[in-house]
Structures are given as structure tokens and as C-alpha cells.
Amino acid sequence: MRARGHVVCGVSNGVKGFAAPDANGRWAGFDVDFCRALAAAIFLDDSKTKFRPLDAGEGVTALRQGEIDILARPSDQTLELQTAGGVEFVAVSFFDGQILLVRKSMGIDSALQLSGARICFVDQPRLRAGLSMYFGLRKMPVELKTFARPAEAAAAYEQRECDALTEDLSRLPALLADLRIPADNMRLPPVLAVHPLGPLVREGDETWHTITQWTLFVMLGAEEAGLDHSEVAHPAGERSAAARLLLVESDLGPKLGLPPGWGEAIIAKVGNYGEVFERNLGARGPAGLERGLNNLWSAGGLMVAPRLR
């Protein structure tokens, strides 16, 4: 990476909020910002990145073959993936949830009222497993109708070939965009399953694996300490004790081959985890998702980072 002068990142294939070109043709999103954070850690310059949009299956293959340095699109941590070899899971960067969408005209308010229903979905192992687990444990018979692409599943749902549509919460904005009248539909509680997702790197490079982990942990730790890019950008003498502890006094970057100030560069140039989430996935971003499980543990979520020391 140093020799070529940039990080090559595999990102989501045009999914708004995660990775998609903005109005100026510049890549933006949650995946993109994590890659920018890695570039900031390595080069102290978040612009030293190149992005390759990839579907999930393509991304793992490209990573194994050395065509990309990291698959930044959040991927499942599964036993099958881990035992297949060639790639390693970094850490959980995003908790997704499997949700159901139904027509408001059905007059129901719970998935427990869907016994005997027809459910459309894109044929992905985690969606199938979520349906089987939720309805199977409750001994509720449902008819599963699978499709190759999200638009096909949405079209079948609109043509009333099924009573409900299931998808990842992160894809809800795109799913609603595929429907003629989004307001005629509603999310049906509860969440069927929670999917802990994160980036992948190639197996066998422990230093790179550690760098990617701690890039994420610095972003989480900074948010927990109340540090955002504006405070870190202050002159060193004006920073809070928390900022000095997190980004200066505990700068262990040289042990990883990173330059001094790598943590400072991550937050100053990209932001803490909360800033990145809100900018891309939150209410003010293109995805419009609630923070939910992706809140810090101190705010009722599941996100937590080891201490930088």
C-alpha cells in the first residue's frame, strides 16, 4: 500500500448510505468513510483511497485474490466463511436487522399474525435463516417465495404474489424506493434477526488485521470520550484531557508501523463513529436509519471498543 500510495477498498455496489457516488461523482458512504479512515491512519491523508464497487460474492473473491486490500462493505461473520479460509473478519462495525414489510391494508401489527402468509425475499442464506428461525421456533407455517434480485421481490409483492416482504433494515430505503406508493406499507415488528456485520481482510497478515481493527476502535473510543473532528482539530494545547489521552499519550501507532498522530488523523479528517454513522446512515443521511443497536453501549446500543493503551 505504501509503495502504490493508496488503499484499494472493496465497497457496496451503489447502496446509498454505504457506498454510492454523490452528486459530484465522488464516492460517499459508511464503507467509504471507513476506507478514508484507514488511509488517514496509514498516510495521514484520507484521500489516498481507490474504491471498487462489488457484490458480496465478488468481494470475497477479489479479496482472496489480492485485488483489494479490504472488503469494507459490512459482511457476515459466519463459520462457513471462516473455515473456507483466505479471509478474516475484522470486527463488528454495523448491526443490521431483518425486518418485514406489509401493506397497511392488512390491518395487522405483529409478525405473529402472519401464520400461513406468503413471504417474498431475495434468496440469501441469512434472510432464509432468519425466517426459518423466527417462524420455525413458533411453529408458524409460512410459504417462502424467493427471487434473485431485490427489485424482483418488490415487484412480486406489489403484484400481491405475497403478503409480506423481508429484507435487511439497511436496505429499507432502497426497498421503499422500489414500491409505487411507499406510504401504503409499514414495517411489521419485531425484528426477526440481528446480523452483526463488519469488514473483511485477507488471512495471514496479522499487522494489517490489527490496523483495521484499531482504526474502528479509535473511531468508537473517540465518540465514547466525546471527541469529534472539530475538537481534535484544535491546537494541541487547547485539547481536553480525554483527547490527549486517546490520541496523543496513548499513540501506539509506531508498534504497528503507523506514523505518529495516526489516531488524531482518523478523527480530524473523517470523524468519530457517531459522526460517520449520522452523516451516512442516520436521520440526516441518505439512508435515514435509526441508530438503534449501533448506539454506544452507554446509550443503550451494542457498540463498544477496547481501550487504546
Protein backbone atom coordinates (compact mmCIF):
# COMPACT_ATOMS: atom_id res chain seq x y z
CA MET A 1 0.00 0.00 0.00
CA ARG A 2 2.80 2.45 0.81
CA ALA A 3 4.55 1.59 -2.47
CA ARG A 4 1.45 2.25 -4.56
CA GLY A 5 0.39 5.23 -2.45
CA HIS A 6 -3.24 4.32 -1.70
CA VAL A 7 -5.60 1.77 -0.13
CA VAL A 8 -7.77 -0.28 -2.51
CA CYS A 9 -11.18 -0.78 -0.92
CA GLY A 10 -13.99 -3.08 -1.97
CA VAL A 11 -17.27 -1.33 -1.18
CA SER A 12 -21.00 -1.89 -1.56
CA ASN A 13 -22.25 -1.76 -5.12
CA GLY A 14 -24.04 1.58 -5.24
CA VAL A 15 -26.02 1.25 -1.98
CA LYS A 16 -26.94 4.72 -0.73
CA GLY A 17 -25.63 5.39 2.74
CA PHE A 18 -22.95 2.71 2.41
CA ALA A 19 -21.19 3.42 -0.88
CA ALA A 20 -22.51 5.34 -3.87
CA PRO A 21 -21.35 8.27 -6.00
CA ASP A 22 -22.67 11.62 -4.77
CA ALA A 23 -23.95 14.45 -6.98
CA ASN A 24 -20.36 15.32 -7.91
CA GLY A 25 -19.44 11.73 -8.77
CA ARG A 26 -17.39 11.34 -5.58
CA TRP A 27 -17.80 8.11 -3.63
CA ALA A 28 -19.53 8.65 -0.28
CA GLY A 29 -20.97 6.44 2.44
CA PHE A 30 -20.29 4.37 5.55
CA ASP A 31 -17.98 1.91 3.72
CA VAL A 32 -16.20 4.79 2.02
CA ASP A 33 -15.56 6.66 5.26
CA PHE A 34 -14.03 3.59 6.88
CA CYS A 35 -11.61 3.32 3.95
CA ARG A 36 -10.83 7.02 4.29
CA ALA A 37 -10.09 6.42 7.98
CA LEU A 38 -7.63 3.66 7.06
CA ALA A 39 -5.89 5.97 4.60
CA ALA A 40 -5.71 8.64 7.31
CA ALA A 41 -4.10 6.12 9.69
CA ILE A 42 -1.50 4.98 7.15
CA PHE A 43 -0.74 8.15 5.18
CA LEU A 44 -2.23 10.88 7.44
CA ASP A 45 -4.21 11.69 4.29
CA ASP A 46 -7.77 10.37 3.90
CA SER A 47 -7.81 10.97 0.15
CA LYS A 48 -5.33 8.19 -0.61
CA THR A 49 -8.01 5.65 -1.47
CA LYS A 50 -9.40 3.89 -4.51
CA PHE A 51 -12.82 2.27 -4.48
CA ARG A 52 -14.07 -0.83 -6.25
CA PRO A 53 -17.82 -1.48 -6.03
CA LEU A 54 -18.51 -5.20 -5.57
CA ASP A 55 -21.40 -7.51 -4.77
CA ALA A 56 -20.95 -9.73 -1.71
CA GLY A 57 -19.74 -12.83 -3.58
CA GLU A 58 -17.46 -10.82 -5.87
CA GLY A 59 -15.94 -9.02 -2.89
CA VAL A 60 -14.74 -12.15 -1.10
CA THR A 61 -13.21 -13.50 -4.33
CA ALA A 62 -11.47 -10.19 -5.08
CA LEU A 63 -10.10 -10.08 -1.54
CA ARG A 64 -8.78 -13.65 -1.67
CA GLN A 65 -7.10 -12.94 -5.00
CA GLY A 66 -5.38 -9.81 -3.71
CA GLU A 67 -7.28 -7.40 -5.97
CA ILE A 68 -8.37 -5.29 -2.99
CA ASP A 69 -6.79 -4.62 0.42
CA ILE A 70 -10.02 -4.73 2.39
CA LEU A 71 -13.66 -5.57 1.76
CA ALA A 72 -15.14 -2.60 3.59
CA ARG A 73 -18.79 -3.42 2.83
CA PRO A 74 -20.19 -4.91 6.06
CA SER A 75 -20.15 -8.71 5.69
CA ASP A 76 -21.49 -11.56 7.81
CA GLN A 77 -19.25 -13.25 10.31
CA THR A 78 -20.10 -16.89 9.66
CA LEU A 79 -18.47 -20.20 10.44
CA GLU A 80 -18.69 -21.16 6.76
CA LEU A 81 -16.73 -18.08 5.71
CA GLN A 82 -14.14 -18.50 8.43
CA THR A 83 -13.49 -22.20 7.75
CA ALA A 84 -13.32 -21.65 3.98
CA GLY A 85 -10.05 -19.79 4.55
CA GLY A 86 -8.45 -16.88 2.80
CA VAL A 87 -10.25 -14.08 4.65
CA GLU A 88 -10.62 -12.86 8.22
CA PHE A 89 -13.40 -10.93 9.91
CA VAL A 90 -12.16 -7.64 11.38
CA ALA A 91 -14.77 -6.57 13.97
CA VAL A 92 -18.45 -5.66 14.11
CA SER A 93 -18.88 -2.24 12.51
CA PHE A 94 -22.65 -2.38 11.93
CA PHE A 95 -25.56 -4.32 13.42
CA ASP A 96 -28.21 -4.94 10.79
CA GLY A 97 -31.67 -6.36 11.43
CA GLN A 98 -34.07 -8.42 9.34
CA ILE A 99 -37.46 -6.75 9.06
CA LEU A 100 -40.84 -7.46 7.47
CA LEU A 101 -42.79 -5.08 5.27
CA VAL A 102 -46.57 -5.47 4.85
CA ARG A 103 -49.42 -3.47 3.35
CA LYS A 104 -51.20 -1.28 5.89
CA SER A 105 -54.49 -2.52 4.48
CA MET A 106 -53.82 -5.94 6.02
CA GLY A 107 -54.71 -4.43 9.39
CA ILE A 108 -52.13 -6.36 11.42
CA ASP A 109 -49.49 -5.10 13.84
CA SER A 110 -47.25 -8.10 14.57
CA ALA A 111 -45.38 -10.83 12.72
CA LEU A 112 -47.21 -13.25 15.00
CA GLN A 113 -50.28 -12.64 12.82
CA LEU A 114 -48.59 -13.97 9.67
CA SER A 115 -49.30 -17.68 10.11
CA GLY A 116 -49.95 -19.14 6.65
CA ALA A 117 -48.65 -16.00 4.90
CA ARG A 118 -46.62 -15.88 1.69
CA ILE A 119 -43.31 -14.08 2.17
CA CYS A 120 -41.15 -12.79 -0.69
CA PHE A 121 -37.41 -12.27 -0.31
CA VAL A 122 -34.10 -12.25 -2.13
CA ASP A 123 -32.62 -15.74 -1.80
CA GLN A 124 -29.80 -15.02 0.64
CA PRO A 125 -28.76 -17.52 3.33
CA ARG A 126 -29.10 -15.07 6.23
CA LEU A 127 -32.61 -13.96 5.21
CA ARG A 128 -33.73 -17.57 4.78
CA ALA A 129 -32.18 -18.48 8.15
CA GLY A 130 -33.89 -15.56 9.88
CA LEU A 131 -37.30 -16.59 8.55
CA SER A 132 -36.77 -20.25 9.42
CA MET A 133 -35.61 -19.44 12.93
CA TYR A 134 -38.39 -16.96 13.75
CA PHE A 135 -41.36 -18.81 12.27
CA GLY A 136 -39.96 -22.29 12.86
CA LEU A 137 -39.49 -21.76 16.60
CA ARG A 138 -43.10 -20.61 16.80
CA LYS A 139 -44.37 -23.47 14.64
CA MET A 140 -46.00 -20.97 12.29
CA PRO A 141 -46.33 -22.24 8.71
CA VAL A 142 -45.35 -19.69 6.04
CA GLU A 143 -44.78 -20.01 2.30
CA LEU A 144 -41.39 -18.70 1.18
CA LYS A 145 -41.07 -17.26 -2.33
CA THR A 146 -37.52 -16.46 -3.42
CA PHE A 147 -36.15 -14.10 -6.08
CA ALA A 148 -32.73 -13.33 -7.49
CA ARG A 149 -32.87 -9.53 -7.10
CA PRO A 150 -34.49 -7.05 -4.68
CA ALA A 151 -36.46 -5.35 -7.48
CA GLU A 152 -37.97 -8.70 -8.49
CA ALA A 153 -39.06 -9.45 -4.92
CA ALA A 154 -40.56 -5.96 -4.60
CA ALA A 155 -42.45 -6.35 -7.90
CA ALA A 156 -43.92 -9.68 -6.81
CA TYR A 157 -45.00 -8.13 -3.52
CA GLU A 158 -46.71 -5.25 -5.32
CA GLN A 159 -48.49 -7.70 -7.61
CA ARG A 160 -49.80 -9.42 -4.44
CA GLU A 161 -47.98 -12.66 -5.10
CA CYS A 162 -47.05 -12.50 -1.43
CA ASP A 163 -48.37 -10.96 1.76
CA ALA A 164 -45.08 -9.70 3.18
CA LEU A 165 -41.60 -8.79 2.06
CA THR A 166 -38.49 -9.38 4.20
CA GLU A 167 -35.18 -7.56 3.85
CA ASP A 168 -32.32 -6.12 5.88
CA LEU A 169 -33.16 -2.91 7.71
CA SER A 170 -30.20 -1.24 6.00
CA ARG A 171 -31.91 -1.79 2.64
CA LEU A 172 -35.29 -0.41 3.73
CA PRO A 173 -34.85 2.98 1.97
CA ALA A 174 -33.92 1.26 -1.31
CA LEU A 175 -36.76 -1.22 -0.83
CA LEU A 176 -39.35 1.52 -0.35
CA ALA A 177 -37.98 3.31 -3.42
CA ASP A 178 -38.87 0.23 -5.49
CA LEU A 179 -42.55 0.48 -4.45
CA ARG A 180 -45.10 2.65 -6.28
CA ILE A 181 -46.68 4.07 -3.11
CA PRO A 182 -44.26 3.57 -0.18
CA ALA A 183 -46.68 5.17 2.30
CA ASP A 184 -49.16 2.31 1.78
CA ASN A 185 -46.72 -0.04 3.50
CA MET A 186 -45.34 -0.41 7.01
CA ARG A 187 -42.62 -2.18 8.97
CA LEU A 188 -44.06 -5.02 11.00
CA PRO A 189 -42.49 -5.63 14.43
CA PRO A 190 -40.47 -7.29 15.76
CA VAL A 191 -37.05 -7.50 14.13
CA LEU A 192 -36.75 -11.15 13.06
CA ALA A 193 -32.99 -11.47 13.46
CA VAL A 194 -29.94 -9.33 14.19
CA HIS A 195 -26.91 -9.61 11.89
CA PRO A 196 -23.51 -8.46 13.22
CA LEU A 197 -21.58 -7.27 10.16
CA GLY A 198 -18.09 -5.94 9.56
CA PRO A 199 -15.18 -5.59 7.12
CA LEU A 200 -13.03 -8.47 5.89
CA VAL A 201 -9.28 -8.64 5.22
CA ARG A 202 -7.07 -11.36 3.79
CA GLU A 203 -5.98 -14.13 6.11
CA GLY A 204 -2.37 -14.28 7.22
CA ASP A 205 -1.44 -10.60 7.71
CA GLU A 206 -1.87 -10.01 11.42
CA THR A 207 -0.46 -6.48 11.36
CA TRP A 208 -2.98 -5.33 8.73
CA HIS A 209 -5.77 -7.10 10.60
CA THR A 210 -4.80 -5.25 13.79
CA ILE A 211 -4.58 -1.89 11.99
CA THR A 212 -8.08 -2.28 10.56
CA GLN A 213 -9.47 -3.33 13.96
CA TRP A 214 -7.95 -0.42 15.83
CA THR A 215 -8.97 2.10 13.22
CA LEU A 216 -12.56 1.18 14.03
CA PHE A 217 -11.85 1.11 17.77
CA VAL A 218 -10.30 4.60 17.70
CA MET A 219 -13.47 5.91 16.00
CA LEU A 220 -15.67 4.26 18.64
CA GLY A 221 -13.39 5.28 21.51
CA ALA A 222 -13.37 8.88 20.35
CA GLU A 223 -17.17 9.01 20.35
CA GLU A 224 -17.30 7.48 23.82
CA ALA A 225 -14.83 10.14 25.02
CA GLY A 226 -16.96 12.88 23.46
CA LEU A 227 -14.35 13.74 20.84
CA ASP A 228 -15.35 14.81 17.36
CA HIS A 229 -13.37 16.11 14.42
CA SER A 230 -13.80 19.73 15.47
CA GLU A 231 -12.20 19.26 18.90
CA VAL A 232 -9.32 17.18 17.58
CA ALA A 233 -8.63 19.88 15.01
CA HIS A 234 -7.82 22.34 17.85
CA PRO A 235 -4.18 23.13 18.60
CA ALA A 236 -2.69 20.50 20.91
CA GLY A 237 -2.55 22.83 23.91
CA GLU A 238 -6.30 23.52 23.75
CA ARG A 239 -7.46 19.90 23.70
CA SER A 240 -9.24 18.19 26.55
CA ALA A 241 -7.53 15.65 28.78
CA ALA A 242 -9.60 12.94 27.08
CA ALA A 243 -8.34 13.98 23.67
CA ARG A 244 -4.74 13.95 24.79
CA LEU A 245 -5.12 10.54 26.41
CA LEU A 246 -6.87 8.95 23.45
CA LEU A 247 -4.92 10.49 20.60
CA VAL A 248 -1.56 11.62 21.92
CA GLU A 249 -0.39 10.00 25.15
CA SER A 250 -1.56 6.55 24.05
CA ASP A 251 -0.32 6.77 20.47
CA LEU A 252 0.92 3.22 19.92
CA GLY A 253 0.97 3.52 16.15
CA PRO A 254 4.72 3.00 15.71
CA LYS A 255 4.34 -0.54 17.07
CA LEU A 256 2.08 -1.19 14.06
CA GLY A 257 4.29 0.66 11.62
CA LEU A 258 1.90 3.62 11.57
CA PRO A 259 3.09 7.23 11.77
CA PRO A 260 2.77 9.28 14.96
CA GLY A 261 -0.59 11.01 15.09
CA TRP A 262 -2.44 8.27 13.21
CA GLY A 263 -5.38 8.28 15.65
CA GLU A 264 -5.55 12.05 15.57
CA ALA A 265 -5.66 11.97 11.76
CA ILE A 266 -8.55 9.49 11.73
CA ILE A 267 -10.79 11.70 13.86
CA ALA A 268 -9.67 15.04 12.44
CA LYS A 269 -10.15 14.03 8.81
CA VAL A 270 -13.04 11.52 8.97
CA GLY A 271 -14.68 11.82 12.39
CA ASN A 272 -15.71 9.53 15.21
CA TYR A 273 -18.06 6.56 14.71
CA GLY A 274 -21.17 8.57 15.56
CA GLU A 275 -20.29 11.31 13.09
CA VAL A 276 -19.73 8.77 10.32
CA PHE A 277 -22.99 6.94 11.12
CA GLU A 278 -25.13 10.08 11.23
CA ARG A 279 -23.58 11.54 8.09
CA ASN A 280 -24.26 8.43 6.03
CA LEU A 281 -26.87 6.23 7.69
CA GLY A 282 -28.67 8.42 10.24
CA ALA A 283 -31.68 10.69 10.00
CA ARG A 284 -29.69 13.36 8.15
CA GLY A 285 -28.08 10.90 5.75
CA PRO A 286 -29.39 9.22 2.60
CA ALA A 287 -30.37 6.01 4.43
CA GLY A 288 -32.41 7.65 7.21
CA LEU A 289 -31.91 4.82 9.73
CA GLU A 290 -32.29 4.97 13.48
CA ARG A 291 -29.04 4.34 15.35
CA GLY A 292 -30.61 1.54 17.42
CA LEU A 293 -28.20 -1.29 18.22
CA ASN A 294 -25.42 0.74 16.64
CA ASN A 295 -25.51 3.19 19.53
CA LEU A 296 -22.68 3.08 22.04
CA TRP A 297 -23.22 0.71 24.97
CA SER A 298 -23.62 3.79 27.19
CA ALA A 299 -26.62 4.90 25.07
CA GLY A 300 -28.37 1.53 25.06
CA GLY A 301 -26.65 0.05 22.00
CA LEU A 302 -24.10 -2.71 21.47
CA MET A 303 -21.11 -0.78 20.15
CA VAL A 304 -18.05 -0.84 22.38
CA ALA A 305 -14.31 -0.62 21.85
CA PRO A 306 -11.29 -1.85 23.82
CA ARG A 307 -9.20 0.88 25.43
CA LEU A 308 -6.36 2.43 23.44
CA ARG A 309 -3.47 1.91 25.85
